[in-house]
Amino acid sequence: MEKVVCEICFYKGNKMEFEESSDYCIECVCDHAMCPKCKKPYHAAIITE
């Protein structure tokens, strides 16, 4: 499973965790994945192996 690291709070978790934390994104004006810890949008994250 892909690991994702949030660039804001440096939380590291599975990509699925970020997808399960979906919420409304003001920047994109739609719902999409968020960091489960700091609730920042998924586009503020990097994918690691």
PDB file of N, CA and C in Angstrom:
ATOM      1  N   MET A   1       0.843  -1.188   0.000  1.00  0.00           N
ATOM      2  CA  MET A   1       0.000   0.000   0.000  1.00  0.00           C
ATOM      3  C   MET A   1       0.888   1.251   0.000  1.00  0.00           C
ATOM      4  N   GLU A   2       0.454   2.260  -0.727  1.00  0.00           N
ATOM      5  CA  GLU A   2       1.217   3.504  -0.822  1.00  0.00           C
ATOM      6  C   GLU A   2       1.158   4.285   0.487  1.00  0.00           C
ATOM      7  N   LYS A   3       2.292   4.823   0.888  1.00  0.00           N
ATOM      8  CA  LYS A   3       2.359   5.691   2.057  1.00  0.00           C
ATOM      9  C   LYS A   3       2.317   7.139   1.587  1.00  0.00           C
ATOM     10  N   VAL A   4       1.650   7.977   2.350  1.00  0.00           N
ATOM     11  CA  VAL A   4       1.536   9.392   2.026  1.00  0.00           C
ATOM     12  C   VAL A   4       2.025  10.196   3.220  1.00  0.00           C
ATOM     13  N   VAL A   5       2.778  11.271   2.956  1.00  0.00           N
ATOM     14  CA  VAL A   5       3.264  12.157   4.008  1.00  0.00           C
ATOM     15  C   VAL A   5       2.696  13.547   3.756  1.00  0.00           C
ATOM     16  N   CYS A   6       2.006  14.093   4.739  1.00  0.00           N
ATOM     17  CA  CYS A   6       1.448  15.439   4.633  1.00  0.00           C
ATOM     18  C   CYS A   6       2.586  16.455   4.727  1.00  0.00           C
ATOM     19  N   GLU A   7       2.634  17.392   3.789  1.00  0.00           N
ATOM     20  CA  GLU A   7       3.687  18.411   3.793  1.00  0.00           C
ATOM     21  C   GLU A   7       3.462  19.478   4.856  1.00  0.00           C
ATOM     22  N   ILE A   8       2.275  19.527   5.430  1.00  0.00           N
ATOM     23  CA  ILE A   8       1.961  20.528   6.451  1.00  0.00           C
ATOM     24  C   ILE A   8       2.351  20.034   7.846  1.00  0.00           C
ATOM     25  N   CYS A   9       1.839  18.857   8.251  1.00  0.00           N
ATOM     26  CA  CYS A   9       2.091  18.365   9.617  1.00  0.00           C
ATOM     27  C   CYS A   9       3.024  17.153   9.658  1.00  0.00           C
ATOM     28  N   PHE A  10       3.438  16.651   8.475  1.00  0.00           N
ATOM     29  CA  PHE A  10       4.344  15.510   8.345  1.00  0.00           C
ATOM     30  C   PHE A  10       3.765  14.195   8.854  1.00  0.00           C
ATOM     31  N   TYR A  11       2.440  14.118   8.954  1.00  0.00           N
ATOM     32  CA  TYR A  11       1.792  12.853   9.307  1.00  0.00           C
ATOM     33  C   TYR A  11       2.014  11.861   8.175  1.00  0.00           C
ATOM     34  N   LYS A  12       2.397  10.632   8.504  1.00  0.00           N
ATOM     35  CA  LYS A  12       2.621   9.597   7.494  1.00  0.00           C
ATOM     36  C   LYS A  12       1.595   8.494   7.690  1.00  0.00           C
ATOM     37  N   GLY A  13       0.872   8.177   6.635  1.00  0.00           N
ATOM     38  CA  GLY A  13      -0.136   7.130   6.718  1.00  0.00           C
ATOM     39  C   GLY A  13      -0.413   6.537   5.355  1.00  0.00           C
ATOM     40  N   ASN A  14      -1.296   5.564   5.323  1.00  0.00           N
ATOM     41  CA  ASN A  14      -1.682   4.936   4.068  1.00  0.00           C
ATOM     42  C   ASN A  14      -2.520   5.890   3.237  1.00  0.00           C
ATOM     43  N   LYS A  15      -2.411   5.755   1.922  1.00  0.00           N
ATOM     44  CA  LYS A  15      -3.187   6.595   1.014  1.00  0.00           C
ATOM     45  C   LYS A  15      -4.679   6.464   1.319  1.00  0.00           C
ATOM     46  N   MET A  16      -5.115   5.256   1.695  1.00  0.00           N
ATOM     47  CA  MET A  16      -6.523   5.013   2.000  1.00  0.00           C
ATOM     48  C   MET A  16      -6.995   5.870   3.179  1.00  0.00           C
ATOM     49  N   GLU A  17      -6.133   6.086   4.180  1.00  0.00           N
ATOM     50  CA  GLU A  17      -6.487   6.939   5.325  1.00  0.00           C
ATOM     51  C   GLU A  17      -6.829   8.352   4.863  1.00  0.00           C
ATOM     52  N   PHE A  18      -6.033   8.871   3.924  1.00  0.00           N
ATOM     53  CA  PHE A  18      -6.254  10.214   3.394  1.00  0.00           C
ATOM     54  C   PHE A  18      -7.554  10.268   2.601  1.00  0.00           C
ATOM     55  N   GLU A  19      -7.826   9.208   1.826  1.00  0.00           N
ATOM     56  CA  GLU A  19      -9.050   9.157   1.031  1.00  0.00           C
ATOM     57  C   GLU A  19     -10.286   9.033   1.916  1.00  0.00           C
ATOM     58  N   GLU A  20     -10.181   8.298   3.031  1.00  0.00           N
ATOM     59  CA  GLU A  20     -11.303   8.144   3.959  1.00  0.00           C
ATOM     60  C   GLU A  20     -11.612   9.443   4.696  1.00  0.00           C
ATOM     61  N   SER A  21     -10.660  10.359   4.735  1.00  0.00           N
ATOM     62  CA  SER A  21     -10.846  11.648   5.406  1.00  0.00           C
ATOM     63  C   SER A  21     -11.329  12.723   4.431  1.00  0.00           C
ATOM     64  N   SER A  22     -11.978  12.320   3.357  1.00  0.00           N
ATOM     65  CA  SER A  22     -12.462  13.270   2.341  1.00  0.00           C
ATOM     66  C   SER A  22     -13.334  14.348   2.956  1.00  0.00           C
ATOM     67  N   ASP A  23     -13.160  15.556   2.452  1.00  0.00           N
ATOM     68  CA  ASP A  23     -13.943  16.698   2.911  1.00  0.00           C
ATOM     69  C   ASP A  23     -13.920  17.763   1.814  1.00  0.00           C
ATOM     70  N   TYR A  24     -14.636  18.850   2.046  1.00  0.00           N
ATOM     71  CA  TYR A  24     -14.710  19.940   1.067  1.00  0.00           C
ATOM     72  C   TYR A  24     -13.409  20.737   1.050  1.00  0.00           C
ATOM     73  N   CYS A  25     -12.861  20.947  -0.127  1.00  0.00           N
ATOM     74  CA  CYS A  25     -11.627  21.717  -0.291  1.00  0.00           C
ATOM     75  C   CYS A  25     -11.963  23.088  -0.858  1.00  0.00           C
ATOM     76  N   ILE A  26     -11.618  24.136  -0.144  1.00  0.00           N
ATOM     77  CA  ILE A  26     -11.888  25.507  -0.583  1.00  0.00           C
ATOM     78  C   ILE A  26     -11.099  25.831  -1.854  1.00  0.00           C
ATOM     79  N   GLU A  27      -9.863  25.339  -1.946  1.00  0.00           N
ATOM     80  CA  GLU A  27      -9.012  25.625  -3.100  1.00  0.00           C
ATOM     81  C   GLU A  27      -9.544  25.003  -4.391  1.00  0.00           C
ATOM     82  N   CYS A  28     -10.071  23.786  -4.299  1.00  0.00           N
ATOM     83  CA  CYS A  28     -10.548  23.066  -5.488  1.00  0.00           C
ATOM     84  C   CYS A  28     -12.055  23.201  -5.692  1.00  0.00           C
ATOM     85  N   VAL A  29     -12.751  23.705  -4.694  1.00  0.00           N
ATOM     86  CA  VAL A  29     -14.204  23.876  -4.702  1.00  0.00           C
ATOM     87  C   VAL A  29     -14.904  22.538  -4.977  1.00  0.00           C
ATOM     88  N   CYS A  30     -14.428  21.484  -4.300  1.00  0.00           N
ATOM     89  CA  CYS A  30     -15.058  20.167  -4.396  1.00  0.00           C
ATOM     90  C   CYS A  30     -14.585  19.304  -3.222  1.00  0.00           C
ATOM     91  N   ASP A  31     -15.171  18.128  -3.089  1.00  0.00           N
ATOM     92  CA  ASP A  31     -14.754  17.183  -2.057  1.00  0.00           C
ATOM     93  C   ASP A  31     -13.587  16.343  -2.568  1.00  0.00           C
ATOM     94  N   HIS A  32     -12.579  16.157  -1.743  1.00  0.00           N
ATOM     95  CA  HIS A  32     -11.510  15.207  -2.048  1.00  0.00           C
ATOM     96  C   HIS A  32     -10.728  14.873  -0.788  1.00  0.00           C
ATOM     97  N   ALA A  33      -9.720  14.011  -0.919  1.00  0.00           N
ATOM     98  CA  ALA A  33      -8.971  13.496   0.220  1.00  0.00           C
ATOM     99  C   ALA A  33      -8.289  14.599   1.032  1.00  0.00           C
ATOM    100  N   MET A  34      -8.255  14.384   2.351  1.00  0.00           N
ATOM    101  CA  MET A  34      -7.618  15.317   3.283  1.00  0.00           C
ATOM    102  C   MET A  34      -6.692  14.542   4.223  1.00  0.00           C
ATOM    103  N   CYS A  35      -5.758  15.239   4.844  1.00  0.00           N
ATOM    104  CA  CYS A  35      -4.909  14.634   5.868  1.00  0.00           C
ATOM    105  C   CYS A  35      -5.785  14.286   7.068  1.00  0.00           C
ATOM    106  N   PRO A  36      -5.734  13.042   7.547  1.00  0.00           N
ATOM    107  CA  PRO A  36      -6.569  12.662   8.685  1.00  0.00           C
ATOM    108  C   PRO A  36      -6.178  13.360   9.992  1.00  0.00           C
ATOM    109  N   LYS A  37      -4.955  13.886  10.070  1.00  0.00           N
ATOM    110  CA  LYS A  37      -4.498  14.535  11.297  1.00  0.00           C
ATOM    111  C   LYS A  37      -4.790  16.035  11.310  1.00  0.00           C
ATOM    112  N   CYS A  38      -4.319  16.765  10.283  1.00  0.00           N
ATOM    113  CA  CYS A  38      -4.469  18.228  10.294  1.00  0.00           C
ATOM    114  C   CYS A  38      -5.597  18.729   9.392  1.00  0.00           C
ATOM    115  N   LYS A  39      -6.224  17.808   8.640  1.00  0.00           N
ATOM    116  CA  LYS A  39      -7.371  18.128   7.772  1.00  0.00           C
ATOM    117  C   LYS A  39      -7.027  19.055   6.615  1.00  0.00           C
ATOM    118  N   LYS A  40      -5.760  19.080   6.198  1.00  0.00           N
ATOM    119  CA  LYS A  40      -5.361  19.868   5.030  1.00  0.00           C
ATOM    120  C   LYS A  40      -5.600  19.039   3.771  1.00  0.00           C
ATOM    121  N   PRO A  41      -5.817  19.685   2.625  1.00  0.00           N
ATOM    122  CA  PRO A  41      -6.102  18.966   1.382  1.00  0.00           C
ATOM    123  C   PRO A  41      -4.984  18.017   0.966  1.00  0.00           C
ATOM    124  N   TYR A  42      -5.371  16.938   0.295  1.00  0.00           N
ATOM    125  CA  TYR A  42      -4.443  15.905  -0.172  1.00  0.00           C
ATOM    126  C   TYR A  42      -3.392  16.457  -1.126  1.00  0.00           C
ATOM    127  N   HIS A  43      -3.673  17.536  -1.856  1.00  0.00           N
ATOM    128  CA  HIS A  43      -2.660  18.080  -2.758  1.00  0.00           C
ATOM    129  C   HIS A  43      -1.525  18.732  -1.989  1.00  0.00           C
ATOM    130  N   ALA A  44      -1.624  18.764  -0.655  1.00  0.00           N
ATOM    131  CA  ALA A  44      -0.534  19.235   0.201  1.00  0.00           C
ATOM    132  C   ALA A  44       0.177  18.022   0.810  1.00  0.00           C
ATOM    133  N   ALA A  45       0.341  16.974   0.002  1.00  0.00           N
ATOM    134  CA  ALA A  45       0.964  15.745   0.482  1.00  0.00           C
ATOM    135  C   ALA A  45       1.877  15.176  -0.594  1.00  0.00           C
ATOM    136  N   ILE A  46       2.853  14.377  -0.154  1.00  0.00           N
ATOM    137  CA  ILE A  46       3.718  13.692  -1.101  1.00  0.00           C
ATOM    138  C   ILE A  46       3.570  12.190  -0.888  1.00  0.00           C
ATOM    139  N   ILE A  47       3.675  11.431  -1.964  1.00  0.00           N
ATOM    140  CA  ILE A  47       3.552   9.976  -1.881  1.00  0.00           C
ATOM    141  C   ILE A  47       4.949   9.382  -1.795  1.00  0.00           C
ATOM    142  N   THR A  48       5.140   8.476  -0.840  1.00  0.00           N
ATOM    143  CA  THR A  48       6.418   7.788  -0.676  1.00  0.00           C
ATOM    144  C   THR A  48       6.180   6.293  -0.824  1.00  0.00           C
ATOM    145  N   GLU A  49       7.248   5.529  -0.970  1.00  0.00           N
ATOM    146  CA  GLU A  49       7.103   4.082  -1.073  1.00  0.00           C
ATOM    147  C   GLU A  49       7.250   3.443   0.274  1.00  0.00           C
TER     148      GLU A  49
END
